[in-house]
């Protein structure tokens, strides 16, 4: 409820953006095991629109890390996040 609804601006990164909002508004704890999974198949949006990630992901990360109210403990992950994002887009 505190994170709000999915943002309809995004086509393929909407889940990621939603979880990034959750991380800003809620207390998170590290768990060394999988707590959720998703599957891909030839008709899944992540496969069919995979090039859309190259458009949306840099925009999402730029918006997220440029927010001046972003807490320092999250801002500390910016460099590693951007490196991982660039690798994924490549």
PDB file of N, CA and C in Angstrom:
ATOM      1  N   UNK A   1       0.821  -1.191   0.000  1.00  0.00           N
ATOM      2  CA  UNK A   1       0.000   0.000   0.000  1.00  0.00           C
ATOM      3  C   UNK A   1       0.870   1.261   0.000  1.00  0.00           C
ATOM      4  N   UNK A   2       1.957   1.262   0.787  1.00  0.00           N
ATOM      5  CA  UNK A   2       2.816   2.452   0.863  1.00  0.00           C
ATOM      6  C   UNK A   2       3.550   2.709  -0.449  1.00  0.00           C
ATOM      7  N   UNK A   3       3.795   1.672  -1.229  1.00  0.00           N
ATOM      8  CA  UNK A   3       4.527   1.833  -2.490  1.00  0.00           C
ATOM      9  C   UNK A   3       3.624   2.315  -3.614  1.00  0.00           C
ATOM     10  N   UNK A   4       2.336   2.136  -3.492  1.00  0.00           N
ATOM     11  CA  UNK A   4       1.418   2.575  -4.538  1.00  0.00           C
ATOM     12  C   UNK A   4       1.245   1.534  -5.631  1.00  0.00           C
ATOM     13  N   UNK A   5       0.577   1.933  -6.689  1.00  0.00           N
ATOM     14  CA  UNK A   5       0.271   1.029  -7.800  1.00  0.00           C
ATOM     15  C   UNK A   5       1.431   0.936  -8.782  1.00  0.00           C
ATOM     16  N   UNK A   6       1.335  -0.020  -9.693  1.00  0.00           N
ATOM     17  CA  UNK A   6       2.309  -0.107 -10.780  1.00  0.00           C
ATOM     18  C   UNK A   6       2.212   1.152 -11.633  1.00  0.00           C
ATOM     19  N   UNK A   7       3.343   1.596 -12.152  1.00  0.00           N
ATOM     20  CA  UNK A   7       3.409   2.804 -12.962  1.00  0.00           C
ATOM     21  C   UNK A   7       3.217   2.420 -14.429  1.00  0.00           C
ATOM     22  N   UNK A   8       2.108   2.845 -15.017  1.00  0.00           N
ATOM     23  CA  UNK A   8       1.744   2.454 -16.381  1.00  0.00           C
ATOM     24  C   UNK A   8       2.649   3.059 -17.448  1.00  0.00           C
ATOM     25  N   UNK A   9       3.550   3.976 -17.057  1.00  0.00           N
ATOM     26  CA  UNK A   9       4.495   4.524 -18.044  1.00  0.00           C
ATOM     27  C   UNK A   9       5.427   3.454 -18.582  1.00  0.00           C
ATOM     28  N   UNK A  10       5.717   2.475 -17.767  1.00  0.00           N
ATOM     29  CA  UNK A  10       6.709   1.460 -18.120  1.00  0.00           C
ATOM     30  C   UNK A  10       6.054   0.249 -18.760  1.00  0.00           C
ATOM     31  N   UNK A  11       6.688  -0.270 -19.786  1.00  0.00           N
ATOM     32  CA  UNK A  11       6.192  -1.460 -20.469  1.00  0.00           C
ATOM     33  C   UNK A  11       6.855  -2.731 -19.948  1.00  0.00           C
ATOM     34  N   UNK A  12       8.180  -2.699 -19.778  1.00  0.00           N
ATOM     35  CA  UNK A  12       8.887  -3.915 -19.380  1.00  0.00           C
ATOM     36  C   UNK A  12       9.583  -3.814 -18.027  1.00  0.00           C
ATOM     37  N   UNK A  13       9.838  -2.627 -17.527  1.00  0.00           N
ATOM     38  CA  UNK A  13      10.540  -2.487 -16.252  1.00  0.00           C
ATOM     39  C   UNK A  13       9.596  -2.152 -15.097  1.00  0.00           C
ATOM     40  N   UNK A  14       8.300  -2.316 -15.308  1.00  0.00           N
ATOM     41  CA  UNK A  14       7.352  -1.913 -14.279  1.00  0.00           C
ATOM     42  C   UNK A  14       7.526  -2.683 -12.977  1.00  0.00           C
ATOM     43  N   UNK A  15       7.859  -3.955 -13.037  1.00  0.00           N
ATOM     44  CA  UNK A  15       8.089  -4.718 -11.802  1.00  0.00           C
ATOM     45  C   UNK A  15       9.315  -4.187 -11.071  1.00  0.00           C
ATOM     46  N   UNK A  16      10.381  -3.963 -11.825  1.00  0.00           N
ATOM     47  CA  UNK A  16      11.621  -3.459 -11.230  1.00  0.00           C
ATOM     48  C   UNK A  16      11.390  -2.092 -10.585  1.00  0.00           C
ATOM     49  N   UNK A  17      10.693  -1.214 -11.284  1.00  0.00           N
ATOM     50  CA  UNK A  17      10.408   0.119 -10.746  1.00  0.00           C
ATOM     51  C   UNK A  17       9.581   0.003  -9.472  1.00  0.00           C
ATOM     52  N   UNK A  18       8.621  -0.907  -9.459  1.00  0.00           N
ATOM     53  CA  UNK A  18       7.779  -1.113  -8.288  1.00  0.00           C
ATOM     54  C   UNK A  18       8.614  -1.577  -7.092  1.00  0.00           C
ATOM     55  N   UNK A  19       9.510  -2.529  -7.313  1.00  0.00           N
ATOM     56  CA  UNK A  19      10.351  -3.022  -6.217  1.00  0.00           C
ATOM     57  C   UNK A  19      11.351  -1.964  -5.761  1.00  0.00           C
ATOM     58  N   UNK A  20      11.788  -1.092  -6.663  1.00  0.00           N
ATOM     59  CA  UNK A  20      12.670   0.003  -6.273  1.00  0.00           C
ATOM     60  C   UNK A  20      11.915   0.983  -5.368  1.00  0.00           C
ATOM     61  N   UNK A  21      10.639   1.212  -5.655  1.00  0.00           N
ATOM     62  CA  UNK A  21       9.823   2.067  -4.789  1.00  0.00           C
ATOM     63  C   UNK A  21       9.618   1.422  -3.426  1.00  0.00           C
ATOM     64  N   UNK A  22       9.400   0.121  -3.431  1.00  0.00           N
ATOM     65  CA  UNK A  22       9.255  -0.596  -2.152  1.00  0.00           C
ATOM     66  C   UNK A  22      10.524  -0.431  -1.324  1.00  0.00           C
ATOM     67  N   UNK A  23      11.685  -0.556  -1.966  1.00  0.00           N
ATOM     68  CA  UNK A  23      12.958  -0.427  -1.248  1.00  0.00           C
ATOM     69  C   UNK A  23      13.117   0.948  -0.613  1.00  0.00           C
ATOM     70  N   UNK A  24      12.548   1.964  -1.222  1.00  0.00           N
ATOM     71  CA  UNK A  24      12.634   3.323  -0.676  1.00  0.00           C
ATOM     72  C   UNK A  24      11.681   3.532   0.486  1.00  0.00           C
ATOM     73  N   UNK A  25      10.563   2.852   0.491  1.00  0.00           N
ATOM     74  CA  UNK A  25       9.512   3.152   1.462  1.00  0.00           C
ATOM     75  C   UNK A  25       9.381   2.137   2.599  1.00  0.00           C
ATOM     76  N   UNK A  26      10.015   0.999   2.451  1.00  0.00           N
ATOM     77  CA  UNK A  26       9.836  -0.068   3.434  1.00  0.00           C
ATOM     78  C   UNK A  26      11.188  -0.580   3.917  1.00  0.00           C
ATOM     79  N   UNK A  27      11.184  -1.197   5.050  1.00  0.00           N
ATOM     80  CA  UNK A  27      12.395  -1.807   5.586  1.00  0.00           C
ATOM     81  C   UNK A  27      12.579  -3.165   4.913  1.00  0.00           C
ATOM     82  N   UNK A  28      13.757  -3.383   4.350  1.00  0.00           N
ATOM     83  CA  UNK A  28      14.056  -4.641   3.682  1.00  0.00           C
ATOM     84  C   UNK A  28      15.090  -5.416   4.480  1.00  0.00           C
ATOM     85  N   UNK A  29      15.034  -6.720   4.354  1.00  0.00           N
ATOM     86  CA  UNK A  29      16.023  -7.581   4.979  1.00  0.00           C
ATOM     87  C   UNK A  29      16.581  -8.528   3.938  1.00  0.00           C
ATOM     88  N   UNK A  30      17.868  -8.781   4.010  1.00  0.00           N
ATOM     89  CA  UNK A  30      18.520  -9.716   3.101  1.00  0.00           C
ATOM     90  C   UNK A  30      18.152 -11.141   3.481  1.00  0.00           C
ATOM     91  N   UNK A  31      17.806 -11.930   2.484  1.00  0.00           N
ATOM     92  CA  UNK A  31      17.552 -13.361   2.656  1.00  0.00           C
ATOM     93  C   UNK A  31      18.438 -14.094   1.651  1.00  0.00           C
ATOM     94  N   UNK A  32      19.252 -15.021   2.089  1.00  0.00           N
ATOM     95  CA  UNK A  32      20.196 -15.674   1.171  1.00  0.00           C
ATOM     96  C   UNK A  32      19.570 -16.795   0.325  1.00  0.00           C
ATOM     97  N   UNK A  33      18.280 -16.722   0.094  1.00  0.00           N
ATOM     98  CA  UNK A  33      17.604 -17.708  -0.739  1.00  0.00           C
ATOM     99  C   UNK A  33      16.562 -16.993  -1.599  1.00  0.00           C
ATOM    100  N   UNK A  34      16.105 -17.683  -2.607  1.00  0.00           N
ATOM    101  CA  UNK A  34      15.093 -17.103  -3.503  1.00  0.00           C
ATOM    102  C   UNK A  34      13.766 -16.986  -2.759  1.00  0.00           C
ATOM    103  N   UNK A  35      13.160 -15.827  -2.862  1.00  0.00           N
ATOM    104  CA  UNK A  35      11.846 -15.628  -2.236  1.00  0.00           C
ATOM    105  C   UNK A  35      10.758 -15.493  -3.291  1.00  0.00           C
ATOM    106  N   UNK A  36      11.159 -15.489  -4.530  1.00  0.00           N
ATOM    107  CA  UNK A  36      10.200 -15.399  -5.627  1.00  0.00           C
ATOM    108  C   UNK A  36      10.895 -15.734  -6.932  1.00  0.00           C
ATOM    109  N   UNK A  37      10.137 -16.182  -7.871  1.00  0.00           N
ATOM    110  CA  UNK A  37      10.672 -16.551  -9.172  1.00  0.00           C
ATOM    111  C   UNK A  37       9.738 -16.047 -10.260  1.00  0.00           C
ATOM    112  N   UNK A  38      10.257 -15.947 -11.470  1.00  0.00           N
ATOM    113  CA  UNK A  38       9.401 -15.695 -12.611  1.00  0.00           C
ATOM    114  C   UNK A  38       9.908 -16.544 -13.752  1.00  0.00           C
ATOM    115  N   UNK A  39       9.062 -16.819 -14.678  1.00  0.00           N
ATOM    116  CA  UNK A  39       9.474 -17.656 -15.799  1.00  0.00           C
ATOM    117  C   UNK A  39       9.344 -16.870 -17.090  1.00  0.00           C
ATOM    118  N   UNK A  40      10.178 -17.208 -18.024  1.00  0.00           N
ATOM    119  CA  UNK A  40      10.065 -16.609 -19.348  1.00  0.00           C
ATOM    120  C   UNK A  40       9.710 -17.713 -20.331  1.00  0.00           C
ATOM    121  N   UNK A  41       9.050 -17.331 -21.384  1.00  0.00           N
ATOM    122  CA  UNK A  41       8.687 -18.243 -22.456  1.00  0.00           C
ATOM    123  C   UNK A  41       8.643 -17.411 -23.724  1.00  0.00           C
ATOM    124  N   UNK A  42       8.581 -18.025 -24.876  1.00  0.00           N
ATOM    125  CA  UNK A  42       8.669 -17.267 -26.129  1.00  0.00           C
ATOM    126  C   UNK A  42       7.649 -16.138 -26.274  1.00  0.00           C
ATOM    127  N   UNK A  43       6.507 -16.232 -25.606  1.00  0.00           N
ATOM    128  CA  UNK A  43       5.480 -15.192 -25.720  1.00  0.00           C
ATOM    129  C   UNK A  43       5.480 -14.201 -24.559  1.00  0.00           C
ATOM    130  N   UNK A  44       6.408 -14.352 -23.610  1.00  0.00           N
ATOM    131  CA  UNK A  44       6.424 -13.429 -22.475  1.00  0.00           C
ATOM    132  C   UNK A  44       6.891 -12.051 -22.909  1.00  0.00           C
ATOM    133  N   UNK A  45       6.386 -11.042 -22.231  1.00  0.00           N
ATOM    134  CA  UNK A  45       6.726  -9.660 -22.576  1.00  0.00           C
ATOM    135  C   UNK A  45       8.236  -9.423 -22.497  1.00  0.00           C
ATOM    136  N   UNK A  46       8.894 -10.035 -21.524  1.00  0.00           N
ATOM    137  CA  UNK A  46      10.334  -9.848 -21.369  1.00  0.00           C
ATOM    138  C   UNK A  46      11.116 -10.387 -22.557  1.00  0.00           C
ATOM    139  N   UNK A  47      10.573 -11.375 -23.237  1.00  0.00           N
ATOM    140  CA  UNK A  47      11.234 -11.945 -24.417  1.00  0.00           C
ATOM    141  C   UNK A  47      10.819 -11.190 -25.675  1.00  0.00           C
ATOM    142  N   UNK A  48       9.529 -11.024 -25.857  1.00  0.00           N
ATOM    143  CA  UNK A  48       9.007 -10.385 -27.068  1.00  0.00           C
ATOM    144  C   UNK A  48       9.489  -8.941 -27.181  1.00  0.00           C
ATOM    145  N   UNK A  49       9.563  -8.241 -26.058  1.00  0.00           N
ATOM    146  CA  UNK A  49       9.947  -6.827 -26.075  1.00  0.00           C
ATOM    147  C   UNK A  49      11.317  -6.605 -25.431  1.00  0.00           C
ATOM    148  N   UNK A  50      12.232  -7.564 -25.599  1.00  0.00           N
ATOM    149  CA  UNK A  50      13.490  -7.453 -24.876  1.00  0.00           C
ATOM    150  C   UNK A  50      14.309  -6.219 -25.252  1.00  0.00           C
ATOM    151  N   UNK A  51      14.202  -5.726 -26.463  1.00  0.00           N
ATOM    152  CA  UNK A  51      14.935  -4.511 -26.829  1.00  0.00           C
ATOM    153  C   UNK A  51      14.360  -3.268 -26.142  1.00  0.00           C
ATOM    154  N   UNK A  52      13.133  -3.344 -25.686  1.00  0.00           N
ATOM    155  CA  UNK A  52      12.523  -2.234 -24.951  1.00  0.00           C
ATOM    156  C   UNK A  52      13.265  -1.984 -23.641  1.00  0.00           C
ATOM    157  N   UNK A  53      13.901  -3.035 -23.092  1.00  0.00           N
ATOM    158  CA  UNK A  53      14.696  -2.879 -21.868  1.00  0.00           C
ATOM    159  C   UNK A  53      15.807  -1.851 -22.075  1.00  0.00           C
ATOM    160  N   UNK A  54      16.403  -1.847 -23.263  1.00  0.00           N
ATOM    161  CA  UNK A  54      17.513  -0.934 -23.564  1.00  0.00           C
ATOM    162  C   UNK A  54      17.032   0.514 -23.523  1.00  0.00           C
ATOM    163  N   UNK A  55      15.778   0.760 -23.850  1.00  0.00           N
ATOM    164  CA  UNK A  55      15.207   2.108 -23.770  1.00  0.00           C
ATOM    165  C   UNK A  55      14.793   2.469 -22.351  1.00  0.00           C
ATOM    166  N   UNK A  56      14.112   1.550 -21.701  1.00  0.00           N
ATOM    167  CA  UNK A  56      13.484   1.866 -20.418  1.00  0.00           C
ATOM    168  C   UNK A  56      14.428   1.808 -19.223  1.00  0.00           C
ATOM    169  N   UNK A  57      15.327   0.852 -19.203  1.00  0.00           N
ATOM    170  CA  UNK A  57      16.154   0.660 -18.013  1.00  0.00           C
ATOM    171  C   UNK A  57      17.055   1.855 -17.712  1.00  0.00           C
ATOM    172  N   UNK A  58      17.793   2.405 -18.686  1.00  0.00           N
ATOM    173  CA  UNK A  58      18.599   3.594 -18.368  1.00  0.00           C
ATOM    174  C   UNK A  58      17.738   4.775 -17.901  1.00  0.00           C
ATOM    175  N   UNK A  59      16.574   4.938 -18.493  1.00  0.00           N
ATOM    176  CA  UNK A  59      15.680   6.024 -18.086  1.00  0.00           C
ATOM    177  C   UNK A  59      15.210   5.824 -16.641  1.00  0.00           C
ATOM    178  N   UNK A  60      14.845   4.600 -16.309  1.00  0.00           N
ATOM    179  CA  UNK A  60      14.408   4.293 -14.948  1.00  0.00           C
ATOM    180  C   UNK A  60      15.518   4.558 -13.941  1.00  0.00           C
ATOM    181  N   UNK A  61      16.722   4.071 -14.214  1.00  0.00           N
ATOM    182  CA  UNK A  61      17.831   4.246 -13.272  1.00  0.00           C
ATOM    183  C   UNK A  61      18.225   5.709 -13.159  1.00  0.00           C
ATOM    184  N   UNK A  62      18.209   6.436 -14.257  1.00  0.00           N
ATOM    185  CA  UNK A  62      18.524   7.856 -14.227  1.00  0.00           C
ATOM    186  C   UNK A  62      17.528   8.598 -13.348  1.00  0.00           C
ATOM    187  N   UNK A  63      16.269   8.308 -13.527  1.00  0.00           N
ATOM    188  CA  UNK A  63      15.211   8.938 -12.724  1.00  0.00           C
ATOM    189  C   UNK A  63      15.356   8.582 -11.254  1.00  0.00           C
ATOM    190  N   UNK A  64      15.612   7.327 -10.979  1.00  0.00           N
ATOM    191  CA  UNK A  64      15.703   6.844  -9.603  1.00  0.00           C
ATOM    192  C   UNK A  64      16.875   7.492  -8.867  1.00  0.00           C
ATOM    193  N   UNK A  65      18.078   7.456  -9.465  1.00  0.00           N
ATOM    194  CA  UNK A  65      19.266   7.936  -8.775  1.00  0.00           C
ATOM    195  C   UNK A  65      19.414   9.460  -8.818  1.00  0.00           C
ATOM    196  N   UNK A  66      18.641  10.149  -9.633  1.00  0.00           N
ATOM    197  CA  UNK A  66      18.713  11.614  -9.654  1.00  0.00           C
ATOM    198  C   UNK A  66      17.784  12.254  -8.631  1.00  0.00           C
ATOM    199  N   UNK A  67      16.983  11.458  -7.967  1.00  0.00           N
ATOM    200  CA  UNK A  67      16.066  11.982  -6.956  1.00  0.00           C
ATOM    201  C   UNK A  67      16.864  12.468  -5.740  1.00  0.00           C
ATOM    202  N   UNK A  68      16.820  13.770  -5.435  1.00  0.00           N
ATOM    203  CA  UNK A  68      17.605  14.293  -4.317  1.00  0.00           C
ATOM    204  C   UNK A  68      17.179  13.746  -2.950  1.00  0.00           C
ATOM    205  N   UNK A  69      15.984  13.195  -2.862  1.00  0.00           N
ATOM    206  CA  UNK A  69      15.529  12.656  -1.576  1.00  0.00           C
ATOM    207  C   UNK A  69      15.914  11.189  -1.381  1.00  0.00           C
ATOM    208  N   UNK A  70      16.658  10.625  -2.325  1.00  0.00           N
ATOM    209  CA  UNK A  70      17.074   9.228  -2.217  1.00  0.00           C
ATOM    210  C   UNK A  70      17.992   9.068  -1.004  1.00  0.00           C
ATOM    211  N   UNK A  71      17.675   8.156  -0.110  1.00  0.00           N
ATOM    212  CA  UNK A  71      18.514   7.970   1.083  1.00  0.00           C
ATOM    213  C   UNK A  71      19.941   7.553   0.720  1.00  0.00           C
ATOM    214  N   UNK A  72      20.882   8.008   1.521  1.00  0.00           N
ATOM    215  CA  UNK A  72      22.304   7.735   1.276  1.00  0.00           C
ATOM    216  C   UNK A  72      22.596   6.241   1.214  1.00  0.00           C
ATOM    217  N   UNK A  73      21.928   5.446   2.028  1.00  0.00           N
ATOM    218  CA  UNK A  73      22.203   4.004   2.036  1.00  0.00           C
ATOM    219  C   UNK A  73      21.791   3.347   0.721  1.00  0.00           C
ATOM    220  N   UNK A  74      20.829   3.916   0.021  1.00  0.00           N
ATOM    221  CA  UNK A  74      20.458   3.409  -1.304  1.00  0.00           C
ATOM    222  C   UNK A  74      21.349   4.026  -2.366  1.00  0.00           C
ATOM    223  N   UNK A  75      21.648   5.298  -2.235  1.00  0.00           N
ATOM    224  CA  UNK A  75      22.520   5.977  -3.197  1.00  0.00           C
ATOM    225  C   UNK A  75      23.889   5.291  -3.265  1.00  0.00           C
ATOM    226  N   UNK A  76      24.309   4.665  -2.192  1.00  0.00           N
ATOM    227  CA  UNK A  76      25.578   3.942  -2.164  1.00  0.00           C
ATOM    228  C   UNK A  76      25.639   2.790  -3.154  1.00  0.00           C
ATOM    229  N   UNK A  77      24.501   2.343  -3.647  1.00  0.00           N
ATOM    230  CA  UNK A  77      24.458   1.249  -4.616  1.00  0.00           C
ATOM    231  C   UNK A  77      24.433   1.746  -6.062  1.00  0.00           C
ATOM    232  N   UNK A  78      24.502   3.050  -6.270  1.00  0.00           N
ATOM    233  CA  UNK A  78      24.351   3.609  -7.620  1.00  0.00           C
ATOM    234  C   UNK A  78      25.385   3.053  -8.604  1.00  0.00           C
ATOM    235  N   UNK A  79      26.651   3.118  -8.263  1.00  0.00           N
ATOM    236  CA  UNK A  79      27.694   2.681  -9.198  1.00  0.00           C
ATOM    237  C   UNK A  79      27.507   1.221  -9.605  1.00  0.00           C
ATOM    238  N   UNK A  80      27.352   0.342  -8.630  1.00  0.00           N
ATOM    239  CA  UNK A  80      27.174  -1.085  -8.938  1.00  0.00           C
ATOM    240  C   UNK A  80      25.891  -1.320  -9.723  1.00  0.00           C
ATOM    241  N   UNK A  81      24.845  -0.576  -9.404  1.00  0.00           N
ATOM    242  CA  UNK A  81      23.575  -0.721 -10.119  1.00  0.00           C
ATOM    243  C   UNK A  81      23.707  -0.297 -11.576  1.00  0.00           C
ATOM    244  N   UNK A  82      24.403   0.818 -11.804  1.00  0.00           N
ATOM    245  CA  UNK A  82      24.577   1.300 -13.177  1.00  0.00           C
ATOM    246  C   UNK A  82      25.456   0.362 -13.992  1.00  0.00           C
ATOM    247  N   UNK A  83      26.473  -0.208 -13.375  1.00  0.00           N
ATOM    248  CA  UNK A  83      27.324  -1.179 -14.072  1.00  0.00           C
ATOM    249  C   UNK A  83      26.506  -2.404 -14.467  1.00  0.00           C
ATOM    250  N   UNK A  84      25.704  -2.917 -13.543  1.00  0.00           N
ATOM    251  CA  UNK A  84      24.863  -4.082 -13.839  1.00  0.00           C
ATOM    252  C   UNK A  84      23.839  -3.750 -14.914  1.00  0.00           C
ATOM    253  N   UNK A  85      23.287  -2.549 -14.865  1.00  0.00           N
ATOM    254  CA  UNK A  85      22.307  -2.116 -15.866  1.00  0.00           C
ATOM    255  C   UNK A  85      22.953  -2.028 -17.243  1.00  0.00           C
ATOM    256  N   UNK A  86      24.136  -1.458 -17.331  1.00  0.00           N
ATOM    257  CA  UNK A  86      24.843  -1.363 -18.609  1.00  0.00           C
ATOM    258  C   UNK A  86      25.155  -2.749 -19.178  1.00  0.00           C
ATOM    259  N   UNK A  87      25.556  -3.639 -18.314  1.00  0.00           N
ATOM    260  CA  UNK A  87      25.860  -5.019 -18.739  1.00  0.00           C
ATOM    261  C   UNK A  87      24.603  -5.694 -19.288  1.00  0.00           C
ATOM    262  N   UNK A  88      23.492  -5.522 -18.608  1.00  0.00           N
ATOM    263  CA  UNK A  88      22.231  -6.105 -19.060  1.00  0.00           C
ATOM    264  C   UNK A  88      21.805  -5.523 -20.416  1.00  0.00           C
ATOM    265  N   UNK A  89      21.948  -4.222 -20.570  1.00  0.00           N
ATOM    266  CA  UNK A  89      21.559  -3.579 -21.824  1.00  0.00           C
ATOM    267  C   UNK A  89      22.479  -3.963 -22.976  1.00  0.00           C
ATOM    268  N   UNK A  90      23.740  -4.211 -22.672  1.00  0.00           N
ATOM    269  CA  UNK A  90      24.686  -4.601 -23.734  1.00  0.00           C
ATOM    270  C   UNK A  90      24.316  -5.958 -24.283  1.00  0.00           C
TER     271      UNK A  90
END
